[in-house]
Amino acid sequence: MVKEDLKYTKDHEWVRTEGGEVVVGITDFAQGELGDIVFVELPSVGDSVSAEGAFGTVEAVKTVAELFAPVSGEVIAVNDQLNDDAALINKDCYGEGWMIRIRYNDTSELDALLTPSEYSEMIAT
């Protein structure tokens, strides 16, 4: 499922813009490909992230995958619920399974993200 009110990265993160901040998680496609997620490693509040730079990892029964920041900025919130229940990502990747919130530096980085139709096309091939 690709939600129409979000932007996407080529690395399968979703991005919801809220004022000068973005909320980031992995897409339904990504969690489906990974399988049962058992652990997630996220940055700390106050850490800086760079667009397209790794900000953590997600560990599933099958594999470990890196997570990539969609924009540059400061991590201002981390979903601590995932420490106790990483499977929230499988259950509700666009809701309770969100990962981090970033206060971004450069609005032009948002323009580089994929639209829902571009992301749908990418995962269809």
PDB file of N, CA and C in Angstrom:
ATOM      1  N   MET A   1       0.839  -1.172   0.000  1.00  0.00           N
ATOM      2  CA  MET A   1       0.000   0.000   0.000  1.00  0.00           C
ATOM      3  C   MET A   1       0.897   1.252   0.000  1.00  0.00           C
ATOM      4  N   VAL A   2       0.643   2.144  -0.937  1.00  0.00           N
ATOM      5  CA  VAL A   2       1.357   3.415  -1.019  1.00  0.00           C
ATOM      6  C   VAL A   2       0.363   4.509  -0.657  1.00  0.00           C
ATOM      7  N   LYS A   3       0.658   5.227   0.405  1.00  0.00           N
ATOM      8  CA  LYS A   3      -0.250   6.291   0.850  1.00  0.00           C
ATOM      9  C   LYS A   3      -0.027   7.548   0.012  1.00  0.00           C
ATOM     10  N   GLU A   4      -1.123   8.174  -0.356  1.00  0.00           N
ATOM     11  CA  GLU A   4      -1.079   9.333  -1.252  1.00  0.00           C
ATOM     12  C   GLU A   4      -0.630  10.625  -0.573  1.00  0.00           C
ATOM     13  N   ASP A   5      -0.660  10.682   0.760  1.00  0.00           N
ATOM     14  CA  ASP A   5      -0.321  11.926   1.452  1.00  0.00           C
ATOM     15  C   ASP A   5       1.124  11.975   1.943  1.00  0.00           C
ATOM     16  N   LEU A   6       1.969  11.066   1.444  1.00  0.00           N
ATOM     17  CA  LEU A   6       3.359  10.988   1.879  1.00  0.00           C
ATOM     18  C   LEU A   6       4.298  11.157   0.696  1.00  0.00           C
ATOM     19  N   LYS A   7       5.573  11.390   1.004  1.00  0.00           N
ATOM     20  CA  LYS A   7       6.646  11.345   0.013  1.00  0.00           C
ATOM     21  C   LYS A   7       7.480  10.112   0.346  1.00  0.00           C
ATOM     22  N   TYR A   8       8.343   9.707  -0.582  1.00  0.00           N
ATOM     23  CA  TYR A   8       9.085   8.461  -0.427  1.00  0.00           C
ATOM     24  C   TYR A   8      10.526   8.622  -0.884  1.00  0.00           C
ATOM     25  N   THR A   9      11.398   7.735  -0.365  1.00  0.00           N
ATOM     26  CA  THR A   9      12.783   7.685  -0.840  1.00  0.00           C
ATOM     27  C   THR A   9      12.948   6.450  -1.710  1.00  0.00           C
ATOM     28  N   LYS A  10      14.016   6.450  -2.495  1.00  0.00           N
ATOM     29  CA  LYS A  10      14.307   5.283  -3.320  1.00  0.00           C
ATOM     30  C   LYS A  10      14.719   4.096  -2.449  1.00  0.00           C
ATOM     31  N   ASP A  11      15.030   4.361  -1.179  1.00  0.00           N
ATOM     32  CA  ASP A  11      15.433   3.305  -0.248  1.00  0.00           C
ATOM     33  C   ASP A  11      14.271   2.803   0.614  1.00  0.00           C
ATOM     34  N   HIS A  12      13.047   3.195   0.258  1.00  0.00           N
ATOM     35  CA  HIS A  12      11.820   2.684   0.877  1.00  0.00           C
ATOM     36  C   HIS A  12      11.477   3.275   2.238  1.00  0.00           C
ATOM     37  N   GLU A  13      11.921   4.511   2.493  1.00  0.00           N
ATOM     38  CA  GLU A  13      11.427   5.240   3.657  1.00  0.00           C
ATOM     39  C   GLU A  13      10.259   6.109   3.212  1.00  0.00           C
ATOM     40  N   TRP A  14       9.292   6.287   4.118  1.00  0.00           N
ATOM     41  CA  TRP A  14       8.212   7.253   3.860  1.00  0.00           C
ATOM     42  C   TRP A  14       8.482   8.501   4.683  1.00  0.00           C
ATOM     43  N   VAL A  15       7.916   9.620   4.204  1.00  0.00           N
ATOM     44  CA  VAL A  15       8.173  10.919   4.823  1.00  0.00           C
ATOM     45  C   VAL A  15       6.861  11.699   4.896  1.00  0.00           C
ATOM     46  N   ARG A  16       6.509  12.102   6.107  1.00  0.00           N
ATOM     47  CA  ARG A  16       5.334  12.965   6.298  1.00  0.00           C
ATOM     48  C   ARG A  16       5.835  14.312   6.809  1.00  0.00           C
ATOM     49  N   THR A  17       5.504  15.369   6.083  1.00  0.00           N
ATOM     50  CA  THR A  17       5.934  16.720   6.459  1.00  0.00           C
ATOM     51  C   THR A  17       4.936  17.311   7.438  1.00  0.00           C
ATOM     52  N   GLU A  18       5.450  17.862   8.527  1.00  0.00           N
ATOM     53  CA  GLU A  18       4.630  18.541   9.541  1.00  0.00           C
ATOM     54  C   GLU A  18       5.344  19.824   9.919  1.00  0.00           C
ATOM     55  N   GLY A  19       4.976  20.907   9.253  1.00  0.00           N
ATOM     56  CA  GLY A  19       5.665  22.173   9.502  1.00  0.00           C
ATOM     57  C   GLY A  19       7.103  22.072   9.053  1.00  0.00           C
ATOM     58  N   GLY A  20       8.044  22.457   9.903  1.00  0.00           N
ATOM     59  CA  GLY A  20       9.469  22.377   9.580  1.00  0.00           C
ATOM     60  C   GLY A  20      10.093  21.063   9.994  1.00  0.00           C
ATOM     61  N   GLU A  21       9.252  20.050  10.149  1.00  0.00           N
ATOM     62  CA  GLU A  21       9.717  18.731  10.589  1.00  0.00           C
ATOM     63  C   GLU A  21       9.183  17.658   9.642  1.00  0.00           C
ATOM     64  N   VAL A  22       9.862  16.521   9.658  1.00  0.00           N
ATOM     65  CA  VAL A  22       9.352  15.352   8.954  1.00  0.00           C
ATOM     66  C   VAL A  22       9.325  14.168   9.917  1.00  0.00           C
ATOM     67  N   VAL A  23       8.342  13.316   9.731  1.00  0.00           N
ATOM     68  CA  VAL A  23       8.261  12.046  10.433  1.00  0.00           C
ATOM     69  C   VAL A  23       8.665  10.987   9.410  1.00  0.00           C
ATOM     70  N   VAL A  24       9.489  10.026   9.834  1.00  0.00           N
ATOM     71  CA  VAL A  24      10.070   9.049   8.914  1.00  0.00           C
ATOM     72  C   VAL A  24       9.809   7.634   9.416  1.00  0.00           C
ATOM     73  N   GLY A  25       9.519   6.743   8.481  1.00  0.00           N
ATOM     74  CA  GLY A  25       9.397   5.323   8.767  1.00  0.00           C
ATOM     75  C   GLY A  25       9.719   4.546   7.507  1.00  0.00           C
ATOM     76  N   ILE A  26       9.553   3.235   7.545  1.00  0.00           N
ATOM     77  CA  ILE A  26       9.749   2.451   6.324  1.00  0.00           C
ATOM     78  C   ILE A  26       8.384   2.090   5.748  1.00  0.00           C
ATOM     79  N   THR A  27       8.365   1.883   4.453  1.00  0.00           N
ATOM     80  CA  THR A  27       7.114   1.655   3.738  1.00  0.00           C
ATOM     81  C   THR A  27       6.549   0.260   3.971  1.00  0.00           C
ATOM     82  N   ASP A  28       5.307   0.116   3.614  1.00  0.00           N
ATOM     83  CA  ASP A  28       4.644  -1.178   3.669  1.00  0.00           C
ATOM     84  C   ASP A  28       5.378  -2.186   2.785  1.00  0.00           C
ATOM     85  N   PHE A  29       5.811  -1.747   1.615  1.00  0.00           N
ATOM     86  CA  PHE A  29       6.578  -2.615   0.716  1.00  0.00           C
ATOM     87  C   PHE A  29       7.844  -3.115   1.419  1.00  0.00           C
ATOM     88  N   ALA A  30       8.579  -2.195   2.055  1.00  0.00           N
ATOM     89  CA  ALA A  30       9.839  -2.554   2.717  1.00  0.00           C
ATOM     90  C   ALA A  30       9.613  -3.536   3.856  1.00  0.00           C
ATOM     91  N   GLN A  31       8.616  -3.257   4.714  1.00  0.00           N
ATOM     92  CA  GLN A  31       8.413  -4.175   5.841  1.00  0.00           C
ATOM     93  C   GLN A  31       7.958  -5.542   5.333  1.00  0.00           C
ATOM     94  N   GLY A  32       7.220  -5.570   4.238  1.00  0.00           N
ATOM     95  CA  GLY A  32       6.793  -6.847   3.660  1.00  0.00           C
ATOM     96  C   GLY A  32       7.964  -7.650   3.105  1.00  0.00           C
ATOM     97  N   GLU A  33       8.908  -6.945   2.468  1.00  0.00           N
ATOM     98  CA  GLU A  33      10.094  -7.605   1.930  1.00  0.00           C
ATOM     99  C   GLU A  33      11.007  -8.106   3.045  1.00  0.00           C
ATOM    100  N   LEU A  34      11.112  -7.337   4.128  1.00  0.00           N
ATOM    101  CA  LEU A  34      11.980  -7.721   5.240  1.00  0.00           C
ATOM    102  C   LEU A  34      11.428  -8.903   6.017  1.00  0.00           C
ATOM    103  N   GLY A  35      10.121  -8.995   6.143  1.00  0.00           N
ATOM    104  CA  GLY A  35       9.508 -10.031   6.968  1.00  0.00           C
ATOM    105  C   GLY A  35       9.389  -9.560   8.403  1.00  0.00           C
ATOM    106  N   ASP A  36       9.345 -10.500   9.321  1.00  0.00           N
ATOM    107  CA  ASP A  36       9.120 -10.175  10.735  1.00  0.00           C
ATOM    108  C   ASP A  36      10.294  -9.384  11.311  1.00  0.00           C
ATOM    109  N   ILE A  37      10.021  -8.147  11.698  1.00  0.00           N
ATOM    110  CA  ILE A  37      11.050  -7.265  12.243  1.00  0.00           C
ATOM    111  C   ILE A  37      11.181  -7.527  13.742  1.00  0.00           C
ATOM    112  N   VAL A  38      12.433  -7.762  14.162  1.00  0.00           N
ATOM    113  CA  VAL A  38      12.675  -8.139  15.559  1.00  0.00           C
ATOM    114  C   VAL A  38      13.451  -7.082  16.346  1.00  0.00           C
ATOM    115  N   PHE A  39      14.125  -6.165  15.635  1.00  0.00           N
ATOM    116  CA  PHE A  39      14.946  -5.171  16.330  1.00  0.00           C
ATOM    117  C   PHE A  39      15.163  -3.976  15.409  1.00  0.00           C
ATOM    118  N   VAL A  40      15.225  -2.801  16.001  1.00  0.00           N
ATOM    119  CA  VAL A  40      15.551  -1.599  15.233  1.00  0.00           C
ATOM    120  C   VAL A  40      16.540  -0.768  16.048  1.00  0.00           C
ATOM    121  N   GLU A  41      17.558  -0.254  15.366  1.00  0.00           N
ATOM    122  CA  GLU A  41      18.554   0.613  16.003  1.00  0.00           C
ATOM    123  C   GLU A  41      18.378   1.996  15.412  1.00  0.00           C
ATOM    124  N   LEU A  42      18.074   2.956  16.256  1.00  0.00           N
ATOM    125  CA  LEU A  42      17.788   4.318  15.811  1.00  0.00           C
ATOM    126  C   LEU A  42      18.762   5.297  16.446  1.00  0.00           C
ATOM    127  N   PRO A  43      18.897   6.488  15.863  1.00  0.00           N
ATOM    128  CA  PRO A  43      19.790   7.489  16.460  1.00  0.00           C
ATOM    129  C   PRO A  43      19.194   8.040  17.752  1.00  0.00           C
ATOM    130  N   SER A  44      19.954   8.867  18.420  1.00  0.00           N
ATOM    131  CA  SER A  44      19.485   9.530  19.640  1.00  0.00           C
ATOM    132  C   SER A  44      18.940  10.904  19.297  1.00  0.00           C
ATOM    133  N   VAL A  45      18.032  11.381  20.136  1.00  0.00           N
ATOM    134  CA  VAL A  45      17.544  12.755  20.001  1.00  0.00           C
ATOM    135  C   VAL A  45      18.752  13.686  20.101  1.00  0.00           C
ATOM    136  N   GLY A  46      18.808  14.647  19.202  1.00  0.00           N
ATOM    137  CA  GLY A  46      19.938  15.578  19.159  1.00  0.00           C
ATOM    138  C   GLY A  46      20.980  15.226  18.126  1.00  0.00           C
ATOM    139  N   ASP A  47      20.965  13.987  17.627  1.00  0.00           N
ATOM    140  CA  ASP A  47      21.914  13.593  16.585  1.00  0.00           C
ATOM    141  C   ASP A  47      21.594  14.321  15.289  1.00  0.00           C
ATOM    142  N   SER A  48      22.622  14.561  14.501  1.00  0.00           N
ATOM    143  CA  SER A  48      22.444  15.129  13.169  1.00  0.00           C
ATOM    144  C   SER A  48      22.409  13.995  12.156  1.00  0.00           C
ATOM    145  N   VAL A  49      21.574  14.149  11.132  1.00  0.00           N
ATOM    146  CA  VAL A  49      21.517  13.184  10.039  1.00  0.00           C
ATOM    147  C   VAL A  49      21.686  13.948   8.730  1.00  0.00           C
ATOM    148  N   SER A  50      22.195  13.246   7.734  1.00  0.00           N
ATOM    149  CA  SER A  50      22.392  13.837   6.409  1.00  0.00           C
ATOM    150  C   SER A  50      21.513  13.127   5.403  1.00  0.00           C
ATOM    151  N   ALA A  51      20.970  13.889   4.462  1.00  0.00           N
ATOM    152  CA  ALA A  51      20.124  13.303   3.426  1.00  0.00           C
ATOM    153  C   ALA A  51      20.865  12.163   2.736  1.00  0.00           C
ATOM    154  N   GLU A  52      20.205  11.031   2.633  1.00  0.00           N
ATOM    155  CA  GLU A  52      20.707   9.807   2.020  1.00  0.00           C
ATOM    156  C   GLU A  52      21.787   9.117   2.852  1.00  0.00           C
ATOM    157  N   GLY A  53      22.087   9.642   4.041  1.00  0.00           N
ATOM    158  CA  GLY A  53      23.042   8.986   4.924  1.00  0.00           C
ATOM    159  C   GLY A  53      22.320   8.009   5.841  1.00  0.00           C
ATOM    160  N   ALA A  54      23.021   6.964   6.245  1.00  0.00           N
ATOM    161  CA  ALA A  54      22.420   5.954   7.128  1.00  0.00           C
ATOM    162  C   ALA A  54      22.149   6.568   8.497  1.00  0.00           C
ATOM    163  N   PHE A  55      20.972   6.253   9.057  1.00  0.00           N
ATOM    164  CA  PHE A  55      20.654   6.732  10.404  1.00  0.00           C
ATOM    165  C   PHE A  55      20.349   5.604  11.370  1.00  0.00           C
ATOM    166  N   GLY A  56      20.368   4.377  10.899  1.00  0.00           N
ATOM    167  CA  GLY A  56      20.096   3.246  11.772  1.00  0.00           C
ATOM    168  C   GLY A  56      19.961   1.972  10.974  1.00  0.00           C
ATOM    169  N   THR A  57      19.519   0.927  11.669  1.00  0.00           N
ATOM    170  CA  THR A  57      19.307  -0.364  11.014  1.00  0.00           C
ATOM    171  C   THR A  57      18.010  -0.978  11.511  1.00  0.00           C
ATOM    172  N   VAL A  58      17.472  -1.822  10.668  1.00  0.00           N
ATOM    173  CA  VAL A  58      16.308  -2.606  11.047  1.00  0.00           C
ATOM    174  C   VAL A  58      16.683  -4.072  10.832  1.00  0.00           C
ATOM    175  N   GLU A  59      16.406  -4.882  11.857  1.00  0.00           N
ATOM    176  CA  GLU A  59      16.775  -6.296  11.812  1.00  0.00           C
ATOM    177  C   GLU A  59      15.507  -7.132  11.744  1.00  0.00           C
ATOM    178  N   ALA A  60      15.460  -7.972  10.730  1.00  0.00           N
ATOM    179  CA  ALA A  60      14.341  -8.892  10.569  1.00  0.00           C
ATOM    180  C   ALA A  60      14.866 -10.311  10.697  1.00  0.00           C
ATOM    181  N   VAL A  61      13.959 -11.258  10.727  1.00  0.00           N
ATOM    182  CA  VAL A  61      14.360 -12.659  10.832  1.00  0.00           C
ATOM    183  C   VAL A  61      15.277 -13.022   9.668  1.00  0.00           C
ATOM    184  N   LYS A  62      14.983 -12.478   8.474  1.00  0.00           N
ATOM    185  CA  LYS A  62      15.722 -12.819   7.254  1.00  0.00           C
ATOM    186  C   LYS A  62      17.015 -12.042   7.056  1.00  0.00           C
ATOM    187  N   THR A  63      17.059 -10.775   7.491  1.00  0.00           N
ATOM    188  CA  THR A  63      18.169  -9.909   7.100  1.00  0.00           C
ATOM    189  C   THR A  63      18.270  -8.685   8.005  1.00  0.00           C
ATOM    190  N   VAL A  64      19.330  -7.924   7.808  1.00  0.00           N
ATOM    191  CA  VAL A  64      19.499  -6.622   8.450  1.00  0.00           C
ATOM    192  C   VAL A  64      19.598  -5.593   7.331  1.00  0.00           C
ATOM    193  N   ALA A  65      18.883  -4.483   7.454  1.00  0.00           N
ATOM    194  CA  ALA A  65      18.902  -3.440   6.430  1.00  0.00           C
ATOM    195  C   ALA A  65      19.198  -2.092   7.059  1.00  0.00           C
ATOM    196  N   GLU A  66      19.939  -1.273   6.322  1.00  0.00           N
ATOM    197  CA  GLU A  66      20.203   0.087   6.789  1.00  0.00           C
ATOM    198  C   GLU A  66      19.004   0.973   6.513  1.00  0.00           C
ATOM    199  N   LEU A  67      18.864   1.983   7.351  1.00  0.00           N
ATOM    200  CA  LEU A  67      17.833   3.007   7.194  1.00  0.00           C
ATOM    201  C   LEU A  67      18.520   4.290   6.745  1.00  0.00           C
ATOM    202  N   PHE A  68      17.897   5.011   5.806  1.00  0.00           N
ATOM    203  CA  PHE A  68      18.523   6.201   5.248  1.00  0.00           C
ATOM    204  C   PHE A  68      17.647   7.428   5.463  1.00  0.00           C
ATOM    205  N   ALA A  69      18.286   8.511   5.879  1.00  0.00           N
ATOM    206  CA  ALA A  69      17.570   9.760   6.146  1.00  0.00           C
ATOM    207  C   ALA A  69      17.099  10.388   4.834  1.00  0.00           C
ATOM    208  N   PRO A  70      15.863  10.845   4.792  1.00  0.00           N
ATOM    209  CA  PRO A  70      15.357  11.488   3.581  1.00  0.00           C
ATOM    210  C   PRO A  70      15.816  12.944   3.446  1.00  0.00           C
ATOM    211  N   VAL A  71      16.151  13.560   4.560  1.00  0.00           N
ATOM    212  CA  VAL A  71      16.581  14.964   4.592  1.00  0.00           C
ATOM    213  C   VAL A  71      17.673  15.130   5.638  1.00  0.00           C
ATOM    214  N   SER A  72      18.392  16.240   5.544  1.00  0.00           N
ATOM    215  CA  SER A  72      19.406  16.577   6.543  1.00  0.00           C
ATOM    216  C   SER A  72      18.759  17.367   7.668  1.00  0.00           C
ATOM    217  N   GLY A  73      19.248  17.149   8.875  1.00  0.00           N
ATOM    218  CA  GLY A  73      18.726  17.918   9.992  1.00  0.00           C
ATOM    219  C   GLY A  73      19.041  17.272  11.323  1.00  0.00           C
ATOM    220  N   GLU A  74      18.268  17.682  12.333  1.00  0.00           N
ATOM    221  CA  GLU A  74      18.467  17.207  13.698  1.00  0.00           C
ATOM    222  C   GLU A  74      17.332  16.267  14.086  1.00  0.00           C
ATOM    223  N   VAL A  75      17.692  15.130  14.670  1.00  0.00           N
ATOM    224  CA  VAL A  75      16.685  14.197  15.183  1.00  0.00           C
ATOM    225  C   VAL A  75      16.079  14.826  16.433  1.00  0.00           C
ATOM    226  N   ILE A  76      14.772  15.071  16.405  1.00  0.00           N
ATOM    227  CA  ILE A  76      14.128  15.711  17.552  1.00  0.00           C
ATOM    228  C   ILE A  76      13.203  14.764  18.308  1.00  0.00           C
ATOM    229  N   ALA A  77      12.955  13.576  17.749  1.00  0.00           N
ATOM    230  CA  ALA A  77      12.166  12.557  18.466  1.00  0.00           C
ATOM    231  C   ALA A  77      12.477  11.190  17.866  1.00  0.00           C
ATOM    232  N   VAL A  78      12.427  10.191  18.720  1.00  0.00           N
ATOM    233  CA  VAL A  78      12.641   8.798  18.329  1.00  0.00           C
ATOM    234  C   VAL A  78      11.493   7.992  18.918  1.00  0.00           C
ATOM    235  N   ASN A  79      10.984   7.047  18.151  1.00  0.00           N
ATOM    236  CA  ASN A  79       9.881   6.211  18.634  1.00  0.00           C
ATOM    237  C   ASN A  79      10.418   5.137  19.574  1.00  0.00           C
ATOM    238  N   ASP A  80      10.422   5.446  20.871  1.00  0.00           N
ATOM    239  CA  ASP A  80      10.947   4.518  21.879  1.00  0.00           C
ATOM    240  C   ASP A  80      10.114   3.243  22.008  1.00  0.00           C
ATOM    241  N   GLN A  81       8.869   3.273  21.558  1.00  0.00           N
ATOM    242  CA  GLN A  81       8.035   2.062  21.614  1.00  0.00           C
ATOM    243  C   GLN A  81       8.668   0.915  20.834  1.00  0.00           C
ATOM    244  N   LEU A  82       9.447   1.255  19.807  1.00  0.00           N
ATOM    245  CA  LEU A  82      10.058   0.220  18.974  1.00  0.00           C
ATOM    246  C   LEU A  82      11.120  -0.572  19.723  1.00  0.00           C
ATOM    247  N   ASN A  83      11.678  -0.009  20.816  1.00  0.00           N
ATOM    248  CA  ASN A  83      12.643  -0.753  21.626  1.00  0.00           C
ATOM    249  C   ASN A  83      12.006  -1.992  22.233  1.00  0.00           C
ATOM    250  N   ASP A  84      10.750  -1.869  22.635  1.00  0.00           N
ATOM    251  CA  ASP A  84      10.041  -2.981  23.269  1.00  0.00           C
ATOM    252  C   ASP A  84       9.257  -3.824  22.280  1.00  0.00           C
ATOM    253  N   ASP A  85       8.857  -3.222  21.153  1.00  0.00           N
ATOM    254  CA  ASP A  85       8.004  -3.930  20.198  1.00  0.00           C
ATOM    255  C   ASP A  85       8.317  -3.485  18.777  1.00  0.00           C
ATOM    256  N   ALA A  86       9.429  -3.978  18.233  1.00  0.00           N
ATOM    257  CA  ALA A  86       9.823  -3.626  16.865  1.00  0.00           C
ATOM    258  C   ALA A  86       8.792  -4.107  15.847  1.00  0.00           C
ATOM    259  N   ALA A  87       7.988  -5.098  16.208  1.00  0.00           N
ATOM    260  CA  ALA A  87       6.958  -5.624  15.304  1.00  0.00           C
ATOM    261  C   ALA A  87       5.871  -4.596  14.997  1.00  0.00           C
ATOM    262  N   LEU A  88       5.833  -3.480  15.746  1.00  0.00           N
ATOM    263  CA  LEU A  88       4.898  -2.399  15.402  1.00  0.00           C
ATOM    264  C   LEU A  88       5.117  -1.941  13.962  1.00  0.00           C
ATOM    265  N   ILE A  89       6.348  -2.065  13.482  1.00  0.00           N
ATOM    266  CA  ILE A  89       6.652  -1.668  12.105  1.00  0.00           C
ATOM    267  C   ILE A  89       5.889  -2.566  11.138  1.00  0.00           C
ATOM    268  N   ASN A  90       5.818  -3.857  11.434  1.00  0.00           N
ATOM    269  CA  ASN A  90       5.049  -4.767  10.583  1.00  0.00           C
ATOM    270  C   ASN A  90       3.546  -4.518  10.699  1.00  0.00           C
ATOM    271  N   LYS A  91       3.105  -4.239  11.918  1.00  0.00           N
ATOM    272  CA  LYS A  91       1.662  -4.085  12.165  1.00  0.00           C
ATOM    273  C   LYS A  91       1.103  -2.768  11.648  1.00  0.00           C
ATOM    274  N   ASP A  92       1.874  -1.671  11.782  1.00  0.00           N
ATOM    275  CA  ASP A  92       1.349  -0.340  11.464  1.00  0.00           C
ATOM    276  C   ASP A  92       2.500   0.574  11.038  1.00  0.00           C
ATOM    277  N   CYS A  93       3.100   0.276   9.889  1.00  0.00           N
ATOM    278  CA  CYS A  93       4.316   0.995   9.482  1.00  0.00           C
ATOM    279  C   CYS A  93       4.078   2.480   9.265  1.00  0.00           C
ATOM    280  N   TYR A  94       2.860   2.884   8.903  1.00  0.00           N
ATOM    281  CA  TYR A  94       2.580   4.296   8.651  1.00  0.00           C
ATOM    282  C   TYR A  94       2.019   5.015   9.876  1.00  0.00           C
ATOM    283  N   GLY A  95       1.780   4.300  10.956  1.00  0.00           N
ATOM    284  CA  GLY A  95       1.221   4.892  12.163  1.00  0.00           C
ATOM    285  C   GLY A  95       2.154   4.692  13.334  1.00  0.00           C
ATOM    286  N   GLU A  96       1.796   3.741  14.221  1.00  0.00           N
ATOM    287  CA  GLU A  96       2.583   3.509  15.437  1.00  0.00           C
ATOM    288  C   GLU A  96       3.998   3.009  15.165  1.00  0.00           C
ATOM    289  N   GLY A  97       4.266   2.565  13.943  1.00  0.00           N
ATOM    290  CA  GLY A  97       5.590   2.061  13.587  1.00  0.00           C
ATOM    291  C   GLY A  97       6.535   3.120  13.036  1.00  0.00           C
ATOM    292  N   TRP A  98       6.172   4.415  13.189  1.00  0.00           N
ATOM    293  CA  TRP A  98       7.090   5.480  12.753  1.00  0.00           C
ATOM    294  C   TRP A  98       8.412   5.350  13.495  1.00  0.00           C
ATOM    295  N   MET A  99       9.478   5.903  12.934  1.00  0.00           N
ATOM    296  CA  MET A  99      10.804   5.720  13.530  1.00  0.00           C
ATOM    297  C   MET A  99      11.386   6.981  14.150  1.00  0.00           C
ATOM    298  N   ILE A 100      11.570   8.025  13.335  1.00  0.00           N
ATOM    299  CA  ILE A 100      12.187   9.248  13.849  1.00  0.00           C
ATOM    300  C   ILE A 100      11.477  10.483  13.313  1.00  0.00           C
ATOM    301  N   ARG A 101      11.712  11.589  14.007  1.00  0.00           N
ATOM    302  CA  ARG A 101      11.226  12.902  13.584  1.00  0.00           C
ATOM    303  C   ARG A 101      12.474  13.784  13.433  1.00  0.00           C
ATOM    304  N   ILE A 102      12.550  14.476  12.297  1.00  0.00           N
ATOM    305  CA  ILE A 102      13.719  15.300  11.980  1.00  0.00           C
ATOM    306  C   ILE A 102      13.278  16.751  11.751  1.00  0.00           C
ATOM    307  N   ARG A 103      13.990  17.688  12.373  1.00  0.00           N
ATOM    308  CA  ARG A 103      13.825  19.104  12.029  1.00  0.00           C
ATOM    309  C   ARG A 103      14.808  19.340  10.893  1.00  0.00           C
ATOM    310  N   TYR A 104      14.278  19.599   9.700  1.00  0.00           N
ATOM    311  CA  TYR A 104      15.149  19.656   8.527  1.00  0.00           C
ATOM    312  C   TYR A 104      15.701  21.047   8.261  1.00  0.00           C
ATOM    313  N   ASN A 105      16.817  21.051   7.509  1.00  0.00           N
ATOM    314  CA  ASN A 105      17.551  22.285   7.227  1.00  0.00           C
ATOM    315  C   ASN A 105      17.189  22.905   5.890  1.00  0.00           C
ATOM    316  N   ASP A 106      16.889  22.076   4.890  1.00  0.00           N
ATOM    317  CA  ASP A 106      16.812  22.542   3.513  1.00  0.00           C
ATOM    318  C   ASP A 106      15.542  22.016   2.851  1.00  0.00           C
ATOM    319  N   THR A 107      14.603  22.905   2.571  1.00  0.00           N
ATOM    320  CA  THR A 107      13.334  22.469   1.972  1.00  0.00           C
ATOM    321  C   THR A 107      13.524  21.881   0.580  1.00  0.00           C
ATOM    322  N   SER A 108      14.598  22.236  -0.110  1.00  0.00           N
ATOM    323  CA  SER A 108      14.807  21.689  -1.458  1.00  0.00           C
ATOM    324  C   SER A 108      15.030  20.175  -1.412  1.00  0.00           C
ATOM    325  N   GLU A 109      15.512  19.666  -0.282  1.00  0.00           N
ATOM    326  CA  GLU A 109      15.684  18.205  -0.170  1.00  0.00           C
ATOM    327  C   GLU A 109      14.338  17.489  -0.240  1.00  0.00           C
ATOM    328  N   LEU A 110      13.276  18.138   0.204  1.00  0.00           N
ATOM    329  CA  LEU A 110      11.943  17.534   0.122  1.00  0.00           C
ATOM    330  C   LEU A 110      11.515  17.371  -1.329  1.00  0.00           C
ATOM    331  N   ASP A 111      11.936  18.302  -2.186  1.00  0.00           N
ATOM    332  CA  ASP A 111      11.582  18.249  -3.598  1.00  0.00           C
ATOM    333  C   ASP A 111      12.227  17.064  -4.310  1.00  0.00           C
ATOM    334  N   ALA A 112      13.329  16.563  -3.758  1.00  0.00           N
ATOM    335  CA  ALA A 112      14.036  15.436  -4.378  1.00  0.00           C
ATOM    336  C   ALA A 112      13.383  14.094  -4.056  1.00  0.00           C
ATOM    337  N   LEU A 113      12.446  14.078  -3.112  1.00  0.00           N
ATOM    338  CA  LEU A 113      11.795  12.826  -2.729  1.00  0.00           C
ATOM    339  C   LEU A 113      10.792  12.394  -3.791  1.00  0.00           C
ATOM    340  N   LEU A 114      10.465  11.108  -3.789  1.00  0.00           N
ATOM    341  CA  LEU A 114       9.532  10.552  -4.765  1.00  0.00           C
ATOM    342  C   LEU A 114       8.088  10.854  -4.384  1.00  0.00           C
ATOM    343  N   THR A 115       7.274  11.116  -5.393  1.00  0.00           N
ATOM    344  CA  THR A 115       5.836  11.248  -5.181  1.00  0.00           C
ATOM    345  C   THR A 115       5.244   9.856  -5.017  1.00  0.00           C
ATOM    346  N   PRO A 116       4.022   9.741  -4.521  1.00  0.00           N
ATOM    347  CA  PRO A 116       3.396   8.410  -4.413  1.00  0.00           C
ATOM    348  C   PRO A 116       3.367   7.661  -5.747  1.00  0.00           C
ATOM    349  N   SER A 117       3.073   8.353  -6.834  1.00  0.00           N
ATOM    350  CA  SER A 117       3.015   7.655  -8.124  1.00  0.00           C
ATOM    351  C   SER A 117       4.407   7.214  -8.580  1.00  0.00           C
ATOM    352  N   GLU A 118       5.430   8.030  -8.333  1.00  0.00           N
ATOM    353  CA  GLU A 118       6.803   7.632  -8.691  1.00  0.00           C
ATOM    354  C   GLU A 118       7.248   6.429  -7.864  1.00  0.00           C
ATOM    355  N   TYR A 119       6.909   6.427  -6.577  1.00  0.00           N
ATOM    356  CA  TYR A 119       7.286   5.302  -5.728  1.00  0.00           C
ATOM    357  C   TYR A 119       6.537   4.039  -6.159  1.00  0.00           C
ATOM    358  N   SER A 120       5.257   4.162  -6.443  1.00  0.00           N
ATOM    359  CA  SER A 120       4.459   3.003  -6.891  1.00  0.00           C
ATOM    360  C   SER A 120       5.064   2.405  -8.153  1.00  0.00           C
ATOM    361  N   GLU A 121       5.471   3.266  -9.061  1.00  0.00           N
ATOM    362  CA  GLU A 121       6.080   2.803 -10.306  1.00  0.00           C
ATOM    363  C   GLU A 121       7.402   2.087 -10.032  1.00  0.00           C
ATOM    364  N   MET A 122       8.192   2.621  -9.103  1.00  0.00           N
ATOM    365  CA  MET A 122       9.480   2.025  -8.776  1.00  0.00           C
ATOM    366  C   MET A 122       9.325   0.617  -8.201  1.00  0.00           C
ATOM    367  N   ILE A 123       8.368   0.432  -7.294  1.00  0.00           N
ATOM    368  CA  ILE A 123       8.243  -0.885  -6.663  1.00  0.00           C
ATOM    369  C   ILE A 123       7.497  -1.892  -7.546  1.00  0.00           C
ATOM    370  N   ALA A 124       6.879  -1.403  -8.614  1.00  0.00           N
ATOM    371  CA  ALA A 124       6.151  -2.303  -9.520  1.00  0.00           C
ATOM    372  C   ALA A 124       7.096  -3.001 -10.496  1.00  0.00           C
ATOM    373  N   THR A 125       8.318  -2.454 -10.636  1.00  0.00           N
ATOM    374  CA  THR A 125       9.246  -3.030 -11.618  1.00  0.00           C
ATOM    375  C   THR A 125      10.226  -3.985 -10.974  1.00  0.00           C
TER     376      THR A 125
END
